[in-house]
């Protein structure tokens, strides 16, 4: 049975992992007959009220919040070992560019969390597939220059990816961009004007493409 590692960044589209993308990714993996473990870094952040969409004074934590999606079964990202997994996937959501890295606030000068960078680079060095959804490909661009990635059709983010010495491929909803040289798989998900059914198709296509690449 093939095993995936999933890195989450909290719970909620505006300050953590996009819940639909995370859950649909988990579902696609199990539906394909594979398994997964969920990891998250230990990072504090300001909560966003998902009704008003405003930042509050409340402090939340990525590890604790990710446990909501993982039903408690979440592991510290600092303990990640690439030897234990066949593939790695990072769902999107603002947490990917707010908590896993600071692209949301720093722009092209952003830095990636050390545990995230170590996990991605260890998989890349091992030649194992890496998947990223929605806005998450931006942090892959920072870690692995020369990658071919997609965030759909958002021109501003596409330019930023190109400025990070990567190639951006414009895609439609449900399509997967495959970088064979770097073994990287990306899909736009909610970076497109998509609904939850289309997110299910995007994540399924991503997981299927990754599984097909694993020898």
C-alpha atoms as a PDB file:
ATOM      1  CA  UNK A   1       0.000   0.000   0.000  1.00  0.00           C
ATOM      2  CA  UNK A   2       1.414   3.384  -1.047  1.00  0.00           C
ATOM      3  CA  UNK A   3       1.634   5.969   1.704  1.00  0.00           C
ATOM      4  CA  UNK A   4       1.232   9.738   1.416  1.00  0.00           C
ATOM      5  CA  UNK A   5       2.275  12.460   3.821  1.00  0.00           C
ATOM      6  CA  UNK A   6      -0.065  15.469   3.911  1.00  0.00           C
ATOM      7  CA  UNK A   7       1.153  18.775   5.344  1.00  0.00           C
ATOM      8  CA  UNK A   8      -1.612  20.943   6.789  1.00  0.00           C
ATOM      9  CA  UNK A   9      -1.390  24.577   7.882  1.00  0.00           C
ATOM     10  CA  UNK A  10      -4.385  24.884  10.184  1.00  0.00           C
ATOM     11  CA  UNK A  11      -8.133  24.593   9.628  1.00  0.00           C
ATOM     12  CA  UNK A  12      -9.942  27.171   7.518  1.00  0.00           C
ATOM     13  CA  UNK A  13      -9.405  28.782   4.146  1.00  0.00           C
ATOM     14  CA  UNK A  14      -8.508  32.276   5.419  1.00  0.00           C
ATOM     15  CA  UNK A  15      -5.971  31.303   8.087  1.00  0.00           C
ATOM     16  CA  UNK A  16      -5.150  27.630   7.574  1.00  0.00           C
ATOM     17  CA  UNK A  17      -5.623  24.735   5.184  1.00  0.00           C
ATOM     18  CA  UNK A  18      -8.577  24.903   2.792  1.00  0.00           C
ATOM     19  CA  UNK A  19     -10.839  22.278   4.367  1.00  0.00           C
ATOM     20  CA  UNK A  20     -12.474  21.014   1.171  1.00  0.00           C
ATOM     21  CA  UNK A  21      -9.089  20.543  -0.501  1.00  0.00           C
ATOM     22  CA  UNK A  22      -7.627  18.788   2.527  1.00  0.00           C
ATOM     23  CA  UNK A  23     -10.574  16.430   3.000  1.00  0.00           C
ATOM     24  CA  UNK A  24     -10.952  15.676  -0.712  1.00  0.00           C
ATOM     25  CA  UNK A  25      -7.239  14.877  -0.879  1.00  0.00           C
ATOM     26  CA  UNK A  26      -7.575  12.443   2.012  1.00  0.00           C
ATOM     27  CA  UNK A  27     -10.620  10.883   0.365  1.00  0.00           C
ATOM     28  CA  UNK A  28      -8.892  10.544  -3.018  1.00  0.00           C
ATOM     29  CA  UNK A  29      -5.922   8.805  -1.422  1.00  0.00           C
ATOM     30  CA  UNK A  30      -8.071   6.276   0.444  1.00  0.00           C
ATOM     31  CA  UNK A  31     -10.348   5.754  -2.559  1.00  0.00           C
ATOM     32  CA  UNK A  32      -7.274   4.870  -4.637  1.00  0.00           C
ATOM     33  CA  UNK A  33      -6.303   2.169  -2.118  1.00  0.00           C
ATOM     34  CA  UNK A  34      -3.436   4.140  -0.581  1.00  0.00           C
ATOM     35  CA  UNK A  35      -2.989   5.545   2.909  1.00  0.00           C
ATOM     36  CA  UNK A  36      -1.862   8.815   4.478  1.00  0.00           C
ATOM     37  CA  UNK A  37      -0.433  10.457   7.576  1.00  0.00           C
ATOM     38  CA  UNK A  38      -1.067  14.094   8.434  1.00  0.00           C
ATOM     39  CA  UNK A  39       1.683  16.442   9.584  1.00  0.00           C
ATOM     40  CA  UNK A  40       1.690  20.059  10.689  1.00  0.00           C
ATOM     41  CA  UNK A  41       4.269  22.503  12.023  1.00  0.00           C
ATOM     42  CA  UNK A  42       3.915  24.165  15.414  1.00  0.00           C
ATOM     43  CA  UNK A  43       3.205  27.807  14.514  1.00  0.00           C
ATOM     44  CA  UNK A  44       0.996  30.388  16.235  1.00  0.00           C
ATOM     45  CA  UNK A  45      -1.093  32.775  14.131  1.00  0.00           C
ATOM     46  CA  UNK A  46      -3.908  35.309  14.428  1.00  0.00           C
ATOM     47  CA  UNK A  47      -7.332  33.820  13.810  1.00  0.00           C
ATOM     48  CA  UNK A  48      -9.555  35.040  10.985  1.00  0.00           C
ATOM     49  CA  UNK A  49     -13.285  35.169  11.702  1.00  0.00           C
ATOM     50  CA  UNK A  50     -14.701  33.166   8.782  1.00  0.00           C
ATOM     51  CA  UNK A  51     -18.019  35.032   8.935  1.00  0.00           C
ATOM     52  CA  UNK A  52     -16.672  38.596   8.864  1.00  0.00           C
ATOM     53  CA  UNK A  53     -13.372  37.595   7.187  1.00  0.00           C
ATOM     54  CA  UNK A  54     -11.550  39.916   9.586  1.00  0.00           C
ATOM     55  CA  UNK A  55      -8.449  39.144  11.650  1.00  0.00           C
ATOM     56  CA  UNK A  56      -9.230  38.809  15.355  1.00  0.00           C
ATOM     57  CA  UNK A  57      -7.072  39.143  18.469  1.00  0.00           C
ATOM     58  CA  UNK A  58      -7.312  35.399  19.106  1.00  0.00           C
ATOM     59  CA  UNK A  59      -4.146  33.332  18.703  1.00  0.00           C
ATOM     60  CA  UNK A  60      -4.436  29.844  17.253  1.00  0.00           C
ATOM     61  CA  UNK A  61      -1.871  27.158  16.458  1.00  0.00           C
ATOM     62  CA  UNK A  62      -1.370  25.276  13.191  1.00  0.00           C
ATOM     63  CA  UNK A  63      -0.715  21.935  14.889  1.00  0.00           C
ATOM     64  CA  UNK A  64      -3.772  22.143  17.150  1.00  0.00           C
ATOM     65  CA  UNK A  65      -6.017  23.419  14.345  1.00  0.00           C
ATOM     66  CA  UNK A  66      -4.826  20.767  11.880  1.00  0.00           C
ATOM     67  CA  UNK A  67      -5.893  18.145  14.407  1.00  0.00           C
ATOM     68  CA  UNK A  68      -9.488  19.211  13.699  1.00  0.00           C
ATOM     69  CA  UNK A  69      -9.195  17.940  10.124  1.00  0.00           C
ATOM     70  CA  UNK A  70      -7.056  14.952  11.125  1.00  0.00           C
ATOM     71  CA  UNK A  71      -9.534  13.916  13.840  1.00  0.00           C
ATOM     72  CA  UNK A  72      -6.688  14.199  16.322  1.00  0.00           C
ATOM     73  CA  UNK A  73      -4.231  12.018  14.410  1.00  0.00           C
ATOM     74  CA  UNK A  74      -1.669  14.651  13.448  1.00  0.00           C
ATOM     75  CA  UNK A  75       2.095  14.334  13.753  1.00  0.00           C
ATOM     76  CA  UNK A  76       4.707  17.078  14.321  1.00  0.00           C
ATOM     77  CA  UNK A  77       6.252  18.064  11.008  1.00  0.00           C
ATOM     78  CA  UNK A  78       9.688  18.195  12.649  1.00  0.00           C
ATOM     79  CA  UNK A  79       9.439  14.391  12.976  1.00  0.00           C
ATOM     80  CA  UNK A  80       8.774  13.811   9.269  1.00  0.00           C
ATOM     81  CA  UNK A  81      10.993  11.173   7.643  1.00  0.00           C
ATOM     82  CA  UNK A  82      10.910  10.866   3.861  1.00  0.00           C
ATOM     83  CA  UNK A  83      11.947   7.204   4.105  1.00  0.00           C
ATOM     84  CA  UNK A  84       8.486   6.402   5.477  1.00  0.00           C
ATOM     85  CA  UNK A  85       6.488   7.811   2.547  1.00  0.00           C
ATOM     86  CA  UNK A  86       6.007   7.418  -1.189  1.00  0.00           C
ATOM     87  CA  UNK A  87       4.658  10.936  -1.831  1.00  0.00           C
ATOM     88  CA  UNK A  88       4.006  14.292  -0.184  1.00  0.00           C
ATOM     89  CA  UNK A  89       1.011  16.591  -0.761  1.00  0.00           C
ATOM     90  CA  UNK A  90       0.333  20.132   0.476  1.00  0.00           C
ATOM     91  CA  UNK A  91      -3.271  21.401   0.173  1.00  0.00           C
ATOM     92  CA  UNK A  92      -3.884  25.108  -0.307  1.00  0.00           C
ATOM     93  CA  UNK A  93      -5.647  27.744   1.738  1.00  0.00           C
ATOM     94  CA  UNK A  94      -4.211  30.999   3.059  1.00  0.00           C
ATOM     95  CA  UNK A  95      -2.346  29.049   5.737  1.00  0.00           C
ATOM     96  CA  UNK A  96      -0.028  27.719   3.037  1.00  0.00           C
ATOM     97  CA  UNK A  97       1.210  31.257   2.367  1.00  0.00           C
ATOM     98  CA  UNK A  98       0.692  32.660   5.859  1.00  0.00           C
ATOM     99  CA  UNK A  99       1.810  29.847   8.173  1.00  0.00           C
ATOM    100  CA  UNK A 100       3.929  27.462   6.073  1.00  0.00           C
ATOM    101  CA  UNK A 101       5.643  30.488   4.555  1.00  0.00           C
ATOM    102  CA  UNK A 102       5.099  34.251   4.677  1.00  0.00           C
ATOM    103  CA  UNK A 103       4.437  34.940   0.994  1.00  0.00           C
ATOM    104  CA  UNK A 104       1.093  36.543   1.916  1.00  0.00           C
ATOM    105  CA  UNK A 105       2.846  39.347   3.804  1.00  0.00           C
ATOM    106  CA  UNK A 106       6.361  39.472   2.355  1.00  0.00           C
ATOM    107  CA  UNK A 107       5.778  38.906  -1.360  1.00  0.00           C
ATOM    108  CA  UNK A 108       8.746  37.613  -3.333  1.00  0.00           C
ATOM    109  CA  UNK A 109      11.082  38.139  -0.378  1.00  0.00           C
ATOM    110  CA  UNK A 110       9.215  35.484   1.624  1.00  0.00           C
ATOM    111  CA  UNK A 111      10.787  32.678   3.603  1.00  0.00           C
ATOM    112  CA  UNK A 112       9.550  29.106   4.040  1.00  0.00           C
ATOM    113  CA  UNK A 113       9.215  27.487   7.448  1.00  0.00           C
ATOM    114  CA  UNK A 114      12.309  25.361   8.125  1.00  0.00           C
ATOM    115  CA  UNK A 115      10.362  22.150   8.824  1.00  0.00           C
ATOM    116  CA  UNK A 116       8.367  22.559   5.613  1.00  0.00           C
ATOM    117  CA  UNK A 117      11.513  23.213   3.611  1.00  0.00           C
ATOM    118  CA  UNK A 118      13.290  20.198   5.109  1.00  0.00           C
ATOM    119  CA  UNK A 119      10.338  17.890   4.345  1.00  0.00           C
ATOM    120  CA  UNK A 120      10.004  19.069   0.738  1.00  0.00           C
ATOM    121  CA  UNK A 121      13.732  18.963   0.033  1.00  0.00           C
ATOM    122  CA  UNK A 122      14.103  15.494   1.548  1.00  0.00           C
ATOM    123  CA  UNK A 123      11.372  14.143  -0.740  1.00  0.00           C
ATOM    124  CA  UNK A 124      12.856  15.941  -3.731  1.00  0.00           C
ATOM    125  CA  UNK A 125      16.324  14.586  -3.000  1.00  0.00           C
ATOM    126  CA  UNK A 126      14.853  11.083  -2.754  1.00  0.00           C
ATOM    127  CA  UNK A 127      13.167  11.512  -6.148  1.00  0.00           C
ATOM    128  CA  UNK A 128       9.707  11.044  -4.644  1.00  0.00           C
ATOM    129  CA  UNK A 129       6.637  12.893  -5.957  1.00  0.00           C
ATOM    130  CA  UNK A 130       5.512  16.163  -4.399  1.00  0.00           C
ATOM    131  CA  UNK A 131       1.991  17.508  -4.893  1.00  0.00           C
ATOM    132  CA  UNK A 132       0.713  21.017  -4.187  1.00  0.00           C
ATOM    133  CA  UNK A 133      -2.764  22.464  -4.547  1.00  0.00           C
ATOM    134  CA  UNK A 134      -4.290  25.915  -4.960  1.00  0.00           C
ATOM    135  CA  UNK A 135      -1.795  28.597  -3.772  1.00  0.00           C
ATOM    136  CA  UNK A 136       0.641  26.064  -2.219  1.00  0.00           C
ATOM    137  CA  UNK A 137       2.744  25.738  -5.417  1.00  0.00           C
ATOM    138  CA  UNK A 138       4.191  29.172  -4.581  1.00  0.00           C
ATOM    139  CA  UNK A 139       6.149  27.749  -1.662  1.00  0.00           C
ATOM    140  CA  UNK A 140       7.376  24.887  -3.876  1.00  0.00           C
ATOM    141  CA  UNK A 141       8.671  27.529  -6.295  1.00  0.00           C
ATOM    142  CA  UNK A 142      10.727  29.067  -3.505  1.00  0.00           C
ATOM    143  CA  UNK A 143      12.162  25.726  -2.387  1.00  0.00           C
ATOM    144  CA  UNK A 144      12.815  24.123  -5.787  1.00  0.00           C
ATOM    145  CA  UNK A 145      13.856  26.692  -8.436  1.00  0.00           C
ATOM    146  CA  UNK A 146      13.372  25.533 -12.004  1.00  0.00           C
ATOM    147  CA  UNK A 147      10.087  23.803 -11.244  1.00  0.00           C
ATOM    148  CA  UNK A 148       7.138  23.813 -13.632  1.00  0.00           C
ATOM    149  CA  UNK A 149       3.991  24.664 -11.659  1.00  0.00           C
ATOM    150  CA  UNK A 150       0.411  25.861 -11.952  1.00  0.00           C
ATOM    151  CA  UNK A 151      -1.874  27.987  -9.841  1.00  0.00           C
ATOM    152  CA  UNK A 152      -4.469  28.007 -12.637  1.00  0.00           C
ATOM    153  CA  UNK A 153      -4.963  31.318 -14.396  1.00  0.00           C
ATOM    154  CA  UNK A 154      -4.188  33.952 -11.757  1.00  0.00           C
ATOM    155  CA  UNK A 155      -1.789  36.186 -13.670  1.00  0.00           C
ATOM    156  CA  UNK A 156      -0.245  38.010 -10.694  1.00  0.00           C
ATOM    157  CA  UNK A 157       0.739  34.830  -8.868  1.00  0.00           C
ATOM    158  CA  UNK A 158       1.890  33.308 -12.150  1.00  0.00           C
ATOM    159  CA  UNK A 159       4.274  36.237 -12.633  1.00  0.00           C
ATOM    160  CA  UNK A 160       5.586  35.778  -9.099  1.00  0.00           C
ATOM    161  CA  UNK A 161       6.252  32.099  -9.816  1.00  0.00           C
ATOM    162  CA  UNK A 162       8.150  33.070 -12.955  1.00  0.00           C
ATOM    163  CA  UNK A 163      10.138  35.632 -10.922  1.00  0.00           C
ATOM    164  CA  UNK A 164      11.137  32.827  -8.565  1.00  0.00           C
ATOM    165  CA  UNK A 165      12.982  31.196 -11.486  1.00  0.00           C
ATOM    166  CA  UNK A 166      10.226  28.701 -12.177  1.00  0.00           C
ATOM    167  CA  UNK A 167       7.899  28.143 -15.127  1.00  0.00           C
ATOM    168  CA  UNK A 168       4.169  28.676 -14.765  1.00  0.00           C
ATOM    169  CA  UNK A 169       1.695  26.609 -16.798  1.00  0.00           C
ATOM    170  CA  UNK A 170      -1.809  28.053 -17.170  1.00  0.00           C
ATOM    171  CA  UNK A 171      -4.415  25.341 -16.548  1.00  0.00           C
ATOM    172  CA  UNK A 172      -8.177  24.924 -16.364  1.00  0.00           C
ATOM    173  CA  UNK A 173     -10.150  23.505 -13.453  1.00  0.00           C
ATOM    174  CA  UNK A 174      -9.377  19.836 -12.872  1.00  0.00           C
ATOM    175  CA  UNK A 175      -6.140  19.820 -14.831  1.00  0.00           C
ATOM    176  CA  UNK A 176      -2.856  18.694 -13.306  1.00  0.00           C
ATOM    177  CA  UNK A 177       0.487  20.241 -14.217  1.00  0.00           C
ATOM    178  CA  UNK A 178       3.184  17.564 -14.163  1.00  0.00           C
ATOM    179  CA  UNK A 179       6.867  18.453 -13.929  1.00  0.00           C
ATOM    180  CA  UNK A 180       8.484  15.133 -14.818  1.00  0.00           C
ATOM    181  CA  UNK A 181      12.040  16.348 -14.252  1.00  0.00           C
ATOM    182  CA  UNK A 182      11.351  17.384 -10.666  1.00  0.00           C
ATOM    183  CA  UNK A 183       8.508  14.916  -9.968  1.00  0.00           C
ATOM    184  CA  UNK A 184       6.180  17.758  -8.952  1.00  0.00           C
ATOM    185  CA  UNK A 185       2.403  17.678  -9.442  1.00  0.00           C
ATOM    186  CA  UNK A 186       0.219  20.771  -9.045  1.00  0.00           C
ATOM    187  CA  UNK A 187      -3.447  21.623  -9.516  1.00  0.00           C
ATOM    188  CA  UNK A 188      -5.280  24.937  -9.128  1.00  0.00           C
ATOM    189  CA  UNK A 189      -8.326  23.890  -7.056  1.00  0.00           C
ATOM    190  CA  UNK A 190      -9.872  27.052  -5.543  1.00  0.00           C
ATOM    191  CA  UNK A 191      -7.450  29.355  -7.337  1.00  0.00           C
ATOM    192  CA  UNK A 192     -10.025  28.826 -10.081  1.00  0.00           C
ATOM    193  CA  UNK A 193     -13.715  29.702  -9.825  1.00  0.00           C
ATOM    194  CA  UNK A 194     -14.500  26.162  -8.693  1.00  0.00           C
ATOM    195  CA  UNK A 195     -17.110  24.428  -6.556  1.00  0.00           C
ATOM    196  CA  UNK A 196     -16.645  21.491  -4.212  1.00  0.00           C
ATOM    197  CA  UNK A 197     -17.450  18.920  -6.918  1.00  0.00           C
ATOM    198  CA  UNK A 198     -14.688  20.382  -9.104  1.00  0.00           C
ATOM    199  CA  UNK A 199     -12.325  20.305  -6.110  1.00  0.00           C
ATOM    200  CA  UNK A 200     -13.068  16.604  -5.841  1.00  0.00           C
ATOM    201  CA  UNK A 201     -12.104  16.141  -9.493  1.00  0.00           C
ATOM    202  CA  UNK A 202      -8.913  18.199  -9.123  1.00  0.00           C
ATOM    203  CA  UNK A 203      -7.690  16.338  -6.059  1.00  0.00           C
ATOM    204  CA  UNK A 204      -8.601  12.956  -7.531  1.00  0.00           C
ATOM    205  CA  UNK A 205      -6.718  13.770 -10.725  1.00  0.00           C
ATOM    206  CA  UNK A 206      -3.719  14.925  -8.696  1.00  0.00           C
ATOM    207  CA  UNK A 207      -3.566  11.783  -6.567  1.00  0.00           C
ATOM    208  CA  UNK A 208      -4.120   9.509  -9.578  1.00  0.00           C
ATOM    209  CA  UNK A 209      -1.287  11.219 -11.469  1.00  0.00           C
ATOM    210  CA  UNK A 210       1.043  10.872  -8.500  1.00  0.00           C
ATOM    211  CA  UNK A 211       0.214   7.195  -8.032  1.00  0.00           C
ATOM    212  CA  UNK A 212       0.793   6.510 -11.727  1.00  0.00           C
ATOM    213  CA  UNK A 213       4.275   7.993 -11.393  1.00  0.00           C
ATOM    214  CA  UNK A 214       5.316   5.782  -8.479  1.00  0.00           C
ATOM    215  CA  UNK A 215       7.269   2.735  -9.616  1.00  0.00           C
END
